[in-house]
N, C-alpha and C. Protein backbone atom coordinates (compact mmCIF):
# COMPACT_ATOMS: atom_id res chain seq x y z
N UNK A 1 -90.45 81.97 93.51
CA UNK A 1 -91.80 81.80 92.98
C UNK A 1 -92.12 80.33 92.58
N UNK A 2 -93.26 79.79 93.02
CA UNK A 2 -93.58 78.43 92.68
C UNK A 2 -93.70 78.38 91.13
N UNK A 3 -93.29 77.13 90.62
CA UNK A 3 -93.34 76.76 89.27
C UNK A 3 -94.43 75.79 89.08
N UNK A 4 -95.07 75.68 87.95
CA UNK A 4 -96.12 74.67 87.73
C UNK A 4 -95.89 73.93 86.44
N UNK A 5 -96.35 72.73 86.46
CA UNK A 5 -96.37 71.92 85.22
C UNK A 5 -97.76 71.29 85.02
N UNK A 6 -98.21 71.19 83.83
CA UNK A 6 -99.53 70.58 83.53
C UNK A 6 -99.34 69.55 82.52
N UNK A 7 -99.96 68.45 82.81
CA UNK A 7 -99.88 67.25 81.87
C UNK A 7 -101.35 66.59 81.79
N UNK A 8 -101.79 66.50 80.57
CA UNK A 8 -103.03 65.85 80.39
C UNK A 8 -102.87 64.43 80.69
N UNK A 9 -103.93 63.79 81.41
CA UNK A 9 -103.97 62.46 81.89
C UNK A 9 -104.75 61.62 80.84
N UNK A 10 -104.14 60.47 80.39
CA UNK A 10 -104.88 59.64 79.58
C UNK A 10 -105.08 58.36 80.36
N UNK A 11 -106.22 58.00 80.67
CA UNK A 11 -106.51 56.78 81.35
C UNK A 11 -106.93 55.65 80.37
N UNK A 12 -106.16 54.44 80.51
CA UNK A 12 -106.58 53.33 79.70
C UNK A 12 -107.85 52.70 80.22
N UNK A 13 -108.09 52.93 81.41
CA UNK A 13 -109.31 52.26 82.06
C UNK A 13 -110.17 53.29 82.66
N UNK A 14 -111.43 53.12 82.81
CA UNK A 14 -112.40 53.87 83.39
C UNK A 14 -112.62 53.51 84.93
N UNK A 15 -112.90 54.34 85.79
CA UNK A 15 -112.88 53.95 87.12
C UNK A 15 -114.32 54.17 87.69
N UNK A 16 -115.13 52.98 87.85
CA UNK A 16 -116.43 52.98 88.47
C UNK A 16 -116.29 53.47 89.87
N UNK A 17 -115.34 52.95 90.57
CA UNK A 17 -115.16 53.20 92.04
C UNK A 17 -114.90 54.67 92.23
N UNK A 18 -114.11 55.24 91.40
CA UNK A 18 -113.75 56.69 91.42
C UNK A 18 -115.09 57.43 91.24
N UNK A 19 -115.98 57.14 90.26
CA UNK A 19 -117.14 57.75 90.04
C UNK A 19 -118.06 57.54 91.25
N UNK A 20 -118.04 56.43 91.84
CA UNK A 20 -118.78 56.16 93.09
C UNK A 20 -118.32 57.12 94.25
N UNK A 21 -116.99 57.17 94.32
CA UNK A 21 -116.50 58.16 95.43
C UNK A 21 -116.93 59.55 95.13
N UNK A 22 -116.90 59.97 93.81
CA UNK A 22 -117.43 61.37 93.60
C UNK A 22 -118.85 61.44 94.08
N UNK A 23 -119.66 60.44 93.86
CA UNK A 23 -121.10 60.49 94.23
C UNK A 23 -121.14 60.51 95.75
N UNK A 24 -120.32 59.71 96.47
CA UNK A 24 -120.26 59.75 97.90
C UNK A 24 -119.96 61.11 98.40
N UNK A 25 -119.03 61.79 97.73
CA UNK A 25 -118.56 63.10 98.14
C UNK A 25 -119.80 64.03 97.90
N UNK A 26 -120.43 63.98 96.85
CA UNK A 26 -121.61 64.88 96.49
C UNK A 26 -122.64 64.60 97.47
N UNK A 27 -122.88 63.47 97.88
CA UNK A 27 -124.00 63.10 98.94
C UNK A 27 -123.60 63.39 100.30
N UNK A 28 -122.45 64.01 100.55
CA UNK A 28 -122.03 64.23 101.86
C UNK A 28 -121.12 63.17 102.46
N UNK A 29 -120.57 62.30 101.66
CA UNK A 29 -119.71 61.23 102.19
C UNK A 29 -118.75 61.75 103.19
N UNK A 30 -118.09 62.90 102.97
CA UNK A 30 -117.04 63.34 103.87
C UNK A 30 -117.70 63.87 105.12
N UNK A 31 -118.95 63.99 105.21
CA UNK A 31 -119.52 64.63 106.41
C UNK A 31 -120.29 63.67 107.16
N UNK A 32 -120.37 62.40 106.69
CA UNK A 32 -121.10 61.29 107.42
C UNK A 32 -120.52 61.04 108.73
N UNK A 33 -121.42 60.63 109.67
CA UNK A 33 -120.88 60.46 111.11
C UNK A 33 -120.14 59.18 111.32
N UNK A 34 -120.12 58.26 110.28
CA UNK A 34 -119.51 56.99 110.44
C UNK A 34 -118.03 57.18 110.84
N UNK A 35 -117.49 56.57 111.94
CA UNK A 35 -116.19 56.82 112.40
C UNK A 35 -115.12 56.25 111.40
N UNK A 36 -114.06 57.08 111.31
CA UNK A 36 -112.94 56.59 110.46
C UNK A 36 -112.17 55.57 111.38
N UNK A 37 -111.73 54.57 110.65
CA UNK A 37 -110.86 53.43 111.38
C UNK A 37 -109.60 53.24 110.50
N UNK A 38 -108.58 52.64 111.18
CA UNK A 38 -107.38 52.36 110.46
C UNK A 38 -107.64 51.19 109.43
N UNK A 39 -107.10 51.57 108.27
CA UNK A 39 -107.34 50.69 107.06
C UNK A 39 -105.97 50.46 106.37
N UNK A 40 -105.92 49.35 105.68
CA UNK A 40 -104.83 49.11 104.76
C UNK A 40 -105.22 48.46 103.60
N UNK A 41 -104.55 48.64 102.50
CA UNK A 41 -104.68 47.98 101.25
C UNK A 41 -103.25 47.54 100.75
N UNK A 42 -103.15 46.27 100.30
CA UNK A 42 -101.92 45.73 99.77
C UNK A 42 -102.19 45.02 98.50
N UNK A 43 -101.58 45.58 97.48
CA UNK A 43 -101.80 44.97 96.09
C UNK A 43 -100.46 44.43 95.50
N UNK A 44 -100.42 43.45 94.67
CA UNK A 44 -99.14 43.05 94.05
C UNK A 44 -99.50 42.67 92.60
N UNK A 45 -98.62 42.88 91.66
CA UNK A 45 -98.79 42.49 90.36
C UNK A 45 -97.52 42.26 89.71
N UNK A 46 -97.42 41.04 89.10
CA UNK A 46 -96.13 40.80 88.25
C UNK A 46 -96.32 41.43 86.77
N UNK A 47 -95.31 42.18 86.40
CA UNK A 47 -95.41 42.85 85.12
C UNK A 47 -94.34 42.30 84.28
N UNK A 48 -94.73 41.90 83.06
CA UNK A 48 -93.80 41.25 82.22
C UNK A 48 -92.97 42.23 81.37
N UNK A 49 -92.19 43.03 82.17
CA UNK A 49 -91.23 44.05 81.68
C UNK A 49 -90.17 44.14 82.62
N UNK A 50 -88.96 44.73 82.38
CA UNK A 50 -87.89 44.91 83.35
C UNK A 50 -88.31 45.95 84.26
N UNK A 51 -87.65 45.77 85.51
CA UNK A 51 -87.82 46.83 86.58
C UNK A 51 -87.52 48.30 86.05
N UNK A 52 -86.48 48.46 85.23
CA UNK A 52 -86.16 49.74 84.74
C UNK A 52 -87.39 50.28 83.83
N UNK A 53 -87.94 49.40 82.96
CA UNK A 53 -88.97 49.86 82.18
C UNK A 53 -90.37 50.18 82.97
N UNK A 54 -90.57 49.42 83.93
CA UNK A 54 -91.76 49.65 84.87
C UNK A 54 -91.42 50.97 85.55
N UNK A 55 -90.26 51.15 86.10
CA UNK A 55 -89.88 52.32 86.89
C UNK A 55 -90.03 53.63 85.99
N UNK A 56 -89.60 53.47 84.75
CA UNK A 56 -89.66 54.60 83.81
C UNK A 56 -91.27 55.07 83.67
N UNK A 57 -92.14 54.24 83.84
CA UNK A 57 -93.55 54.54 83.71
C UNK A 57 -94.06 55.32 84.96
N UNK A 58 -93.36 55.15 86.14
CA UNK A 58 -93.91 55.83 87.23
C UNK A 58 -93.05 56.68 88.08
N UNK A 59 -91.80 56.82 87.69
CA UNK A 59 -90.74 57.54 88.43
C UNK A 59 -91.01 59.05 88.59
N UNK A 60 -91.67 59.69 87.46
CA UNK A 60 -92.00 61.11 87.47
C UNK A 60 -93.31 61.31 88.14
N UNK A 61 -93.31 61.98 89.20
CA UNK A 61 -94.54 62.10 90.13
C UNK A 61 -95.71 62.77 89.35
N UNK A 62 -95.39 63.72 88.36
CA UNK A 62 -96.40 64.32 87.60
C UNK A 62 -96.99 63.36 86.50
N UNK A 63 -96.16 62.66 85.82
CA UNK A 63 -96.46 61.82 84.81
C UNK A 63 -97.34 60.53 85.31
N UNK A 64 -97.05 60.20 86.62
CA UNK A 64 -97.86 59.06 87.13
C UNK A 64 -99.32 59.18 86.98
N UNK A 65 -99.82 60.36 86.94
CA UNK A 65 -101.28 60.68 86.84
C UNK A 65 -101.89 60.12 85.60
N UNK A 66 -101.22 59.80 84.47
CA UNK A 66 -101.76 59.27 83.39
C UNK A 66 -102.16 57.93 83.62
N UNK A 67 -101.73 57.15 84.65
CA UNK A 67 -102.04 55.86 84.93
C UNK A 67 -103.11 55.76 86.09
N UNK A 68 -103.57 57.00 86.60
CA UNK A 68 -104.60 57.02 87.66
C UNK A 68 -105.92 57.20 86.91
N UNK A 69 -106.99 56.36 87.13
CA UNK A 69 -108.16 56.42 86.37
C UNK A 69 -108.93 57.79 86.73
N UNK A 70 -109.71 58.13 85.68
CA UNK A 70 -110.61 59.27 85.78
C UNK A 70 -110.04 60.67 86.21
N UNK A 71 -108.74 60.92 85.92
CA UNK A 71 -108.15 62.24 86.23
C UNK A 71 -107.97 62.93 84.86
N UNK A 72 -108.24 64.18 84.92
CA UNK A 72 -108.20 64.95 83.68
C UNK A 72 -106.82 65.58 83.60
N UNK A 73 -106.25 66.07 84.61
CA UNK A 73 -104.92 66.72 84.56
C UNK A 73 -104.41 66.88 85.95
N UNK A 74 -103.15 67.15 86.04
CA UNK A 74 -102.44 67.39 87.26
C UNK A 74 -101.48 68.62 87.13
N UNK A 75 -101.42 69.34 88.29
CA UNK A 75 -100.42 70.51 88.38
C UNK A 75 -99.47 70.20 89.48
N UNK A 76 -98.17 70.36 89.22
CA UNK A 76 -97.25 70.31 90.34
C UNK A 76 -96.75 71.53 90.73
N UNK A 77 -96.91 71.79 92.02
CA UNK A 77 -96.42 72.98 92.67
C UNK A 77 -95.07 72.72 93.47
N UNK A 78 -94.07 73.33 93.08
CA UNK A 78 -92.75 73.23 93.72
C UNK A 78 -92.75 74.31 94.89
N UNK A 79 -92.85 73.73 96.06
CA UNK A 79 -93.04 74.58 97.27
C UNK A 79 -91.62 75.03 97.88
N UNK A 80 -90.58 74.37 97.36
CA UNK A 80 -89.22 74.74 97.95
C UNK A 80 -88.23 74.51 96.94
N UNK A 81 -87.05 75.11 96.94
CA UNK A 81 -85.92 74.93 96.01
C UNK A 81 -85.58 73.44 95.78
N UNK A 82 -85.60 72.64 96.78
CA UNK A 82 -85.14 71.24 96.72
C UNK A 82 -86.24 70.47 95.94
N UNK A 83 -87.41 70.91 95.70
CA UNK A 83 -88.50 70.26 95.09
C UNK A 83 -88.72 70.90 93.71
N UNK A 84 -87.54 71.17 92.99
CA UNK A 84 -87.59 71.88 91.72
C UNK A 84 -87.93 70.90 90.54
N UNK A 85 -87.84 69.61 90.79
CA UNK A 85 -88.22 68.65 89.74
C UNK A 85 -89.42 67.85 90.11
N UNK A 86 -90.07 67.21 89.19
CA UNK A 86 -91.25 66.50 89.48
C UNK A 86 -91.07 65.15 90.09
N UNK A 87 -89.79 64.91 90.40
CA UNK A 87 -89.49 63.62 91.10
C UNK A 87 -88.77 63.97 92.47
N UNK A 88 -88.86 65.11 92.90
CA UNK A 88 -88.19 65.61 94.08
C UNK A 88 -89.03 65.37 95.35
N UNK A 89 -88.44 65.01 96.33
CA UNK A 89 -89.17 64.79 97.61
C UNK A 89 -89.61 66.26 97.98
N UNK A 90 -90.91 66.28 98.45
CA UNK A 90 -91.52 67.56 98.88
C UNK A 90 -92.33 68.10 97.81
N UNK A 91 -92.22 67.62 96.57
CA UNK A 91 -93.16 68.10 95.42
C UNK A 91 -94.58 67.78 95.78
N UNK A 92 -95.49 68.71 95.44
CA UNK A 92 -96.86 68.53 95.68
C UNK A 92 -97.59 68.56 94.27
N UNK A 93 -98.45 67.67 94.00
CA UNK A 93 -99.30 67.69 92.90
C UNK A 93 -100.74 67.71 93.29
N UNK A 94 -101.39 68.58 92.54
CA UNK A 94 -102.84 68.78 92.65
C UNK A 94 -103.51 68.08 91.48
N UNK A 95 -104.32 67.13 91.76
CA UNK A 95 -104.93 66.35 90.78
C UNK A 95 -106.40 67.07 90.62
N UNK A 96 -106.62 67.37 89.32
CA UNK A 96 -107.88 68.15 89.00
C UNK A 96 -108.77 67.15 88.45
N UNK A 97 -109.90 66.92 89.19
CA UNK A 97 -110.85 65.98 88.91
C UNK A 97 -111.96 66.38 88.11
N UNK A 98 -112.37 65.94 86.80
CA UNK A 98 -113.21 66.53 86.03
C UNK A 98 -114.68 66.34 86.39
N UNK A 99 -114.95 65.50 87.36
CA UNK A 99 -116.38 65.18 87.82
C UNK A 99 -116.97 66.12 88.80
N UNK A 100 -116.28 67.28 88.90
CA UNK A 100 -116.98 68.43 89.56
C UNK A 100 -116.66 68.49 91.03
N UNK A 101 -115.71 67.92 91.59
CA UNK A 101 -115.36 68.00 93.05
C UNK A 101 -114.94 69.52 93.29
N UNK A 102 -115.33 70.03 94.48
CA UNK A 102 -114.96 71.34 94.82
C UNK A 102 -113.57 71.72 94.82
N UNK A 103 -112.67 70.76 95.20
CA UNK A 103 -111.32 71.00 95.38
C UNK A 103 -110.49 69.87 94.70
N UNK A 104 -109.21 70.16 94.30
CA UNK A 104 -108.32 69.13 93.78
C UNK A 104 -107.86 68.22 94.89
N UNK A 105 -107.41 67.09 94.56
CA UNK A 105 -106.75 66.10 95.47
C UNK A 105 -105.31 66.50 95.44
N UNK A 106 -104.71 66.79 96.62
CA UNK A 106 -103.44 67.23 96.77
C UNK A 106 -102.57 66.06 97.36
N UNK A 107 -101.52 65.73 96.63
CA UNK A 107 -100.54 64.70 97.10
C UNK A 107 -99.17 65.19 97.18
N UNK A 108 -98.40 64.71 98.19
CA UNK A 108 -97.04 65.15 98.41
C UNK A 108 -96.22 63.95 98.28
N UNK A 109 -95.10 64.04 97.51
CA UNK A 109 -94.08 63.04 97.41
C UNK A 109 -93.22 63.02 98.70
N UNK A 110 -93.22 61.92 99.42
CA UNK A 110 -92.48 61.87 100.67
C UNK A 110 -91.07 61.14 100.50
N UNK A 111 -90.99 60.22 99.58
CA UNK A 111 -89.85 59.47 99.24
C UNK A 111 -89.79 59.10 97.88
N UNK A 112 -88.57 59.12 97.29
CA UNK A 112 -88.39 58.70 95.93
C UNK A 112 -86.96 58.18 95.84
N UNK A 113 -86.81 56.93 95.30
CA UNK A 113 -85.58 56.25 95.17
C UNK A 113 -85.44 55.63 93.76
N UNK A 114 -84.55 56.27 92.90
CA UNK A 114 -84.32 55.51 91.67
C UNK A 114 -83.60 54.21 91.92
N UNK A 115 -82.51 54.16 92.80
CA UNK A 115 -81.87 53.00 93.10
C UNK A 115 -82.76 51.82 93.53
N UNK A 116 -83.79 52.11 94.30
CA UNK A 116 -84.68 51.06 94.90
C UNK A 116 -85.93 50.96 94.07
N UNK A 117 -86.19 51.91 93.13
CA UNK A 117 -87.35 51.92 92.30
C UNK A 117 -88.60 51.95 93.11
N UNK A 118 -88.64 53.01 94.05
CA UNK A 118 -89.74 53.01 95.01
C UNK A 118 -90.06 54.52 95.24
N UNK A 119 -91.41 54.73 95.49
CA UNK A 119 -91.87 56.09 95.94
C UNK A 119 -92.92 55.94 97.01
N UNK A 120 -92.99 56.94 97.84
CA UNK A 120 -93.99 57.08 98.88
C UNK A 120 -94.64 58.45 98.72
N UNK A 121 -95.96 58.51 98.95
CA UNK A 121 -96.67 59.70 98.91
C UNK A 121 -97.74 59.83 100.05
N UNK A 122 -98.23 61.00 100.23
CA UNK A 122 -99.32 61.21 101.16
C UNK A 122 -100.34 62.05 100.59
N UNK A 123 -101.70 61.89 100.92
CA UNK A 123 -102.77 62.77 100.61
C UNK A 123 -102.78 63.91 101.63
N UNK A 124 -102.79 65.02 101.26
CA UNK A 124 -102.89 66.22 102.11
C UNK A 124 -104.39 66.55 102.54
N UNK A 125 -104.67 66.99 103.74
CA UNK A 125 -105.94 67.30 104.07
C UNK A 125 -106.15 68.76 103.79
N UNK A 126 -107.26 69.20 103.64
CA UNK A 126 -108.52 68.32 103.41
C UNK A 126 -108.65 67.68 102.08
N UNK A 127 -109.31 66.52 101.96
CA UNK A 127 -109.39 65.91 100.67
C UNK A 127 -110.85 65.52 100.52
N UNK A 128 -111.23 65.29 99.18
CA UNK A 128 -112.59 64.98 99.00
C UNK A 128 -113.14 63.60 99.35
N UNK A 129 -112.21 62.69 99.64
CA UNK A 129 -112.46 61.20 99.81
C UNK A 129 -112.35 60.83 101.25
N UNK A 130 -112.12 61.65 102.24
CA UNK A 130 -112.01 61.32 103.62
C UNK A 130 -110.94 60.30 103.87
N UNK A 131 -109.86 60.53 103.35
CA UNK A 131 -108.62 59.67 103.55
C UNK A 131 -107.77 60.44 104.48
N UNK A 132 -107.81 60.02 105.72
CA UNK A 132 -107.00 60.70 106.75
C UNK A 132 -105.66 59.82 107.00
N UNK A 133 -104.56 60.58 107.22
CA UNK A 133 -103.21 59.87 107.52
C UNK A 133 -102.91 58.92 106.37
N UNK A 134 -103.24 59.23 105.17
CA UNK A 134 -102.92 58.38 104.03
C UNK A 134 -101.50 58.29 103.71
N UNK A 135 -101.02 57.17 103.56
CA UNK A 135 -99.56 56.96 103.16
C UNK A 135 -99.61 55.86 102.28
N UNK A 136 -98.93 55.93 101.03
CA UNK A 136 -98.84 54.86 100.06
C UNK A 136 -97.32 54.70 99.62
N UNK A 137 -96.90 53.41 99.51
CA UNK A 137 -95.58 53.17 99.03
C UNK A 137 -95.79 52.17 97.89
N UNK A 138 -95.12 52.44 96.67
CA UNK A 138 -95.02 51.52 95.57
C UNK A 138 -93.57 51.15 95.38
N UNK A 139 -93.40 49.84 95.22
CA UNK A 139 -92.03 49.31 95.02
C UNK A 139 -92.01 48.38 93.83
N UNK A 140 -90.83 48.28 93.21
CA UNK A 140 -90.67 47.43 92.11
C UNK A 140 -89.38 46.56 92.33
N UNK A 141 -89.71 45.25 92.33
CA UNK A 141 -88.55 44.26 92.74
C UNK A 141 -88.37 43.40 91.41
N UNK A 142 -87.14 43.29 91.00
CA UNK A 142 -86.65 42.46 89.86
C UNK A 142 -86.96 40.92 90.29
N UNK A 143 -87.54 40.17 89.31
CA UNK A 143 -87.68 38.78 89.51
C UNK A 143 -86.64 38.11 88.51
N UNK A 144 -86.35 36.87 88.86
CA UNK A 144 -85.36 36.07 88.13
C UNK A 144 -85.58 35.87 86.64
N UNK A 145 -86.82 35.95 86.16
CA UNK A 145 -87.18 35.74 84.90
C UNK A 145 -87.06 37.10 84.05
N UNK A 146 -86.73 38.19 84.60
CA UNK A 146 -86.60 39.51 84.01
C UNK A 146 -87.86 40.34 84.22
N UNK A 147 -88.86 39.79 84.67
CA UNK A 147 -90.15 40.53 84.88
C UNK A 147 -89.99 41.37 86.30
N UNK A 148 -91.00 42.04 86.72
CA UNK A 148 -91.12 42.91 87.91
C UNK A 148 -92.21 42.59 88.71
N UNK A 149 -92.03 42.50 90.04
CA UNK A 149 -93.01 42.49 91.02
C UNK A 149 -93.23 43.80 91.49
N UNK A 150 -94.38 44.41 91.16
CA UNK A 150 -94.73 45.67 91.71
C UNK A 150 -95.76 45.63 92.74
N UNK A 151 -95.47 46.28 93.84
CA UNK A 151 -96.32 46.20 95.04
C UNK A 151 -96.73 47.55 95.61
N UNK A 152 -98.01 47.60 95.98
CA UNK A 152 -98.60 48.84 96.51
C UNK A 152 -99.06 48.55 97.91
N UNK A 153 -98.70 49.49 98.97
CA UNK A 153 -99.10 49.30 100.28
C UNK A 153 -99.65 50.72 100.64
N UNK A 154 -100.97 50.78 100.96
CA UNK A 154 -101.57 51.97 101.33
C UNK A 154 -102.09 51.84 102.80
N UNK A 155 -101.79 52.77 103.61
CA UNK A 155 -102.40 52.83 104.97
C UNK A 155 -103.06 54.19 105.15
N UNK A 156 -104.24 54.20 105.93
CA UNK A 156 -104.93 55.39 106.06
C UNK A 156 -106.07 55.08 107.10
N UNK A 157 -106.74 56.19 107.57
CA UNK A 157 -107.97 56.12 108.27
C UNK A 157 -109.13 56.60 107.42
N UNK A 158 -110.25 55.84 107.58
CA UNK A 158 -111.36 56.21 106.72
C UNK A 158 -112.51 55.28 106.95
N UNK A 159 -113.65 55.55 106.42
CA UNK A 159 -114.81 54.69 106.47
C UNK A 159 -114.62 53.35 105.61
N UNK A 160 -115.40 52.42 105.72
CA UNK A 160 -115.23 51.17 104.99
C UNK A 160 -115.21 51.37 103.41
N UNK A 161 -115.97 52.30 103.01
CA UNK A 161 -116.01 52.44 101.50
C UNK A 161 -114.71 52.95 100.86
N UNK A 162 -113.92 53.49 101.65
CA UNK A 162 -112.66 54.06 101.13
C UNK A 162 -111.76 52.81 100.78
N UNK A 163 -111.86 51.69 101.39
CA UNK A 163 -111.06 50.48 100.99
C UNK A 163 -111.28 50.12 99.60
N UNK A 164 -112.55 50.05 99.17
CA UNK A 164 -112.96 49.71 97.84
C UNK A 164 -112.40 50.59 96.89
N UNK A 165 -112.62 51.93 97.20
CA UNK A 165 -112.13 53.03 96.25
C UNK A 165 -110.64 52.92 96.06
N UNK A 166 -109.90 52.83 97.14
CA UNK A 166 -108.39 52.77 97.03
C UNK A 166 -107.96 51.52 96.24
N UNK A 167 -108.53 50.43 96.58
CA UNK A 167 -108.22 49.08 96.02
C UNK A 167 -108.43 49.19 94.46
N UNK A 168 -109.72 49.70 94.04
CA UNK A 168 -109.92 49.81 92.58
C UNK A 168 -109.01 50.79 91.92
N UNK A 169 -108.85 52.03 92.43
CA UNK A 169 -107.95 52.94 91.92
C UNK A 169 -106.51 52.43 91.63
N UNK A 170 -105.92 51.78 92.68
CA UNK A 170 -104.50 51.24 92.50
C UNK A 170 -104.46 49.94 91.73
N UNK A 171 -105.58 49.18 91.62
CA UNK A 171 -105.58 47.96 90.86
C UNK A 171 -105.49 48.43 89.38
N UNK A 172 -106.24 49.45 89.05
CA UNK A 172 -106.21 50.09 87.71
C UNK A 172 -105.00 50.80 87.38
N UNK A 173 -104.38 51.38 88.48
CA UNK A 173 -103.03 52.13 88.23
C UNK A 173 -101.99 51.07 87.83
N UNK A 174 -102.01 49.93 88.47
CA UNK A 174 -101.09 49.02 88.30
C UNK A 174 -101.29 48.21 86.93
N UNK A 175 -102.52 48.07 86.52
CA UNK A 175 -102.82 47.51 85.26
C UNK A 175 -102.44 48.48 84.10
N UNK A 176 -102.67 49.73 84.29
CA UNK A 176 -102.16 50.71 83.28
C UNK A 176 -100.69 50.85 83.15
N UNK A 177 -100.05 50.79 84.29
CA UNK A 177 -98.48 50.73 84.16
C UNK A 177 -98.15 49.48 83.38
N UNK A 178 -98.71 48.33 83.71
CA UNK A 178 -98.33 47.05 83.16
C UNK A 178 -98.48 47.20 81.58
N UNK A 179 -99.68 47.69 81.21
CA UNK A 179 -100.01 47.80 79.74
C UNK A 179 -98.86 48.68 78.99
N UNK A 180 -98.63 49.75 79.67
CA UNK A 180 -97.54 50.70 79.00
C UNK A 180 -96.17 50.14 79.05
N UNK A 181 -95.83 49.37 80.17
CA UNK A 181 -94.41 48.90 80.30
C UNK A 181 -94.27 47.66 79.41
N UNK A 182 -95.37 46.97 79.24
CA UNK A 182 -95.20 45.76 78.32
C UNK A 182 -95.21 45.99 76.85
N UNK A 183 -95.46 47.19 76.40
CA UNK A 183 -95.58 47.56 75.11
C UNK A 183 -94.12 47.44 74.42
N UNK A 184 -94.13 46.80 73.24
CA UNK A 184 -92.71 46.79 72.52
C UNK A 184 -92.24 48.13 72.26
N UNK A 185 -90.97 48.34 72.25
CA UNK A 185 -90.33 49.76 71.92
C UNK A 185 -90.27 49.96 70.58
């Protein structure tokens, strides 16, 4: 039997781009005839905290959603015995979006490495934002001064507007992780 976990998401930032994406969806964004093209977004941020502290903020697939703007809650569905934990490859989370989208955004954890402080996820179809073949990897690299270089690389097919939405969402994700990781203990 699948097991579920629910965690309320607290966003330190509000997402104008996310709200715009919701409006796009409500206006028929996903059904527009504009062709989907290959897109990529690359972001990097130096966080003034150790790689272990930064990784602690994002290693749990369910808890990551507290750093994703405009998300009310997330539910993790364990679809197989190997995905019994919220950091197990194969784990699927459904992000429940309070702005009234018809369906949750479903993301699957494809890769998770504590040793390399890295995770990779995909957005499952159908999704409300017309992100096809979406794959994102976040890595944390130690720097010589004790800080962390956190990098996001997302590739997908979609209309031009999706680049702004993904860029804004993950810029705010990295900012929220930085704020939490840089807090004194």
